[in-house]
């Protein structure tokens, strides 16, 4: 996986084991995969990603425990998507709220479905 290898070279703080990136929860792997896919689609370069993630990590100043690294990753992903696309922060907030509402009303084990925008 060339794109994943490039990402690992650009961002050396990703938690990993001998097999590659280590994920504690499925959403962490999904956030990682979204960054890889958005890079592959040309939304941002790995240098832009590394700069954004570095800024988020530096702003956090060590308050987030290492085990919660992907919370910082997700924050950086949201930031770069808003900066590099026409998605406004308000739109992102509305979509996150819609997701939370949909998840709350979805029975356990069922797929969460968001209404079309």
Protein backbone atom coordinates (compact mmCIF):
# COMPACT_ATOMS: atom_id res chain seq x y z
CA UNK A 1 0.00 0.00 0.00
CA UNK A 2 2.01 2.90 -1.34
CA UNK A 3 -0.26 5.66 0.05
CA UNK A 4 -0.18 4.16 3.55
CA UNK A 5 3.61 3.81 3.40
CA UNK A 6 3.92 7.46 2.33
CA UNK A 7 1.72 8.53 5.22
CA UNK A 8 3.75 6.56 7.74
CA UNK A 9 6.91 8.19 6.44
CA UNK A 10 5.35 11.67 6.69
CA UNK A 11 3.89 11.29 10.18
CA UNK A 12 6.13 9.34 12.53
CA UNK A 13 3.94 9.70 15.61
CA UNK A 14 1.29 7.18 14.53
CA UNK A 15 0.95 4.44 17.15
CA UNK A 16 2.05 1.18 15.57
CA UNK A 17 3.27 -2.29 16.25
CA UNK A 18 5.46 -4.55 14.14
CA UNK A 19 2.60 -5.05 11.66
CA UNK A 20 1.89 -1.36 11.01
CA UNK A 21 -0.53 1.20 12.41
CA UNK A 22 -2.17 0.05 15.66
CA UNK A 23 -5.82 0.90 16.22
CA UNK A 24 -7.69 0.49 19.50
CA UNK A 25 -11.14 1.11 18.02
CA UNK A 26 -12.67 0.70 14.56
CA UNK A 27 -13.25 4.46 14.21
CA UNK A 28 -9.49 5.04 14.51
CA UNK A 29 -8.84 2.82 11.49
CA UNK A 30 -11.67 4.55 9.64
CA UNK A 31 -10.19 8.00 10.36
CA UNK A 32 -6.81 6.75 9.15
CA UNK A 33 -8.39 5.33 5.99
CA UNK A 34 -10.27 8.58 5.32
CA UNK A 35 -7.01 10.53 5.42
CA UNK A 36 -5.37 8.06 3.03
CA UNK A 37 -8.35 8.22 0.64
CA UNK A 38 -8.64 12.02 0.72
CA UNK A 39 -4.94 12.30 -0.03
CA UNK A 40 -5.30 9.84 -2.90
CA UNK A 41 -8.13 11.99 -4.28
CA UNK A 42 -5.88 15.04 -4.16
CA UNK A 43 -7.63 17.00 -1.41
CA UNK A 44 -4.29 17.55 0.36
CA UNK A 45 -0.65 16.50 0.15
CA UNK A 46 1.12 14.52 2.86
CA UNK A 47 3.18 17.62 3.64
CA UNK A 48 -0.05 19.60 4.18
CA UNK A 49 -1.41 16.77 6.32
CA UNK A 50 1.77 16.54 8.41
CA UNK A 51 1.74 20.33 8.95
CA UNK A 52 -1.94 20.30 10.01
CA UNK A 53 -1.55 17.29 12.31
CA UNK A 54 1.61 18.78 13.79
CA UNK A 55 -0.20 22.04 14.51
CA UNK A 56 -3.04 20.16 16.23
CA UNK A 57 -0.60 18.11 18.31
CA UNK A 58 1.41 21.21 19.27
CA UNK A 59 -1.74 23.13 20.21
CA UNK A 60 -2.83 20.19 22.38
CA UNK A 61 0.46 20.56 24.30
CA UNK A 62 0.36 17.02 25.66
CA UNK A 63 -3.09 17.27 27.28
CA UNK A 64 -4.44 14.36 25.26
CA UNK A 65 -3.08 11.00 26.46
CA UNK A 66 -1.08 9.03 23.88
CA UNK A 67 -3.79 6.34 23.86
CA UNK A 68 -6.16 8.99 22.46
CA UNK A 69 -3.85 9.98 19.60
CA UNK A 70 -6.58 9.47 17.02
CA UNK A 71 -8.74 12.14 18.64
CA UNK A 72 -6.02 14.56 17.54
CA UNK A 73 -5.90 12.83 14.16
CA UNK A 74 -9.65 13.33 13.75
CA UNK A 75 -9.38 17.00 14.76
CA UNK A 76 -6.66 17.48 12.13
CA UNK A 77 -8.73 15.65 9.53
CA UNK A 78 -11.74 17.89 10.20
CA UNK A 79 -9.57 20.99 10.02
CA UNK A 80 -7.86 20.13 6.76
CA UNK A 81 -11.12 19.10 5.09
CA UNK A 82 -12.68 22.44 6.05
CA UNK A 83 -9.59 24.33 4.86
CA UNK A 84 -9.12 22.45 1.61
CA UNK A 85 -12.73 22.12 0.51
CA UNK A 86 -15.87 24.19 0.46
CA UNK A 87 -17.12 22.50 3.61
CA UNK A 88 -17.62 25.19 6.23
CA UNK A 89 -17.09 24.54 9.92
CA UNK A 90 -20.82 25.21 10.46
CA UNK A 91 -21.71 22.52 7.92
CA UNK A 92 -19.40 20.09 9.69
CA UNK A 93 -20.96 20.90 13.06
CA UNK A 94 -24.47 20.38 11.66
CA UNK A 95 -23.47 17.05 10.13
CA UNK A 96 -21.85 15.88 13.38
CA UNK A 97 -25.02 16.83 15.25
CA UNK A 98 -27.17 14.96 12.71
CA UNK A 99 -24.91 11.93 13.11
CA UNK A 100 -25.21 12.02 16.91
CA UNK A 101 -29.01 12.24 16.67
CA UNK A 102 -29.18 9.41 14.14
CA UNK A 103 -26.87 7.24 16.24
CA UNK A 104 -28.97 7.88 19.37
CA UNK A 105 -32.16 6.69 17.69
CA UNK A 106 -30.59 3.68 15.94
CA UNK A 107 -31.02 0.33 17.68
CA UNK A 108 -27.80 -1.38 18.73
CA UNK A 109 -26.35 -3.49 15.94
CA UNK A 110 -28.16 -1.62 13.16
CA UNK A 111 -26.49 0.68 10.64
CA UNK A 112 -26.75 4.39 11.39
CA UNK A 113 -28.48 6.15 8.54
CA UNK A 114 -28.25 9.88 7.90
CA UNK A 115 -30.95 11.63 5.91
CA UNK A 116 -29.82 13.00 2.55
CA UNK A 117 -28.83 16.63 2.68
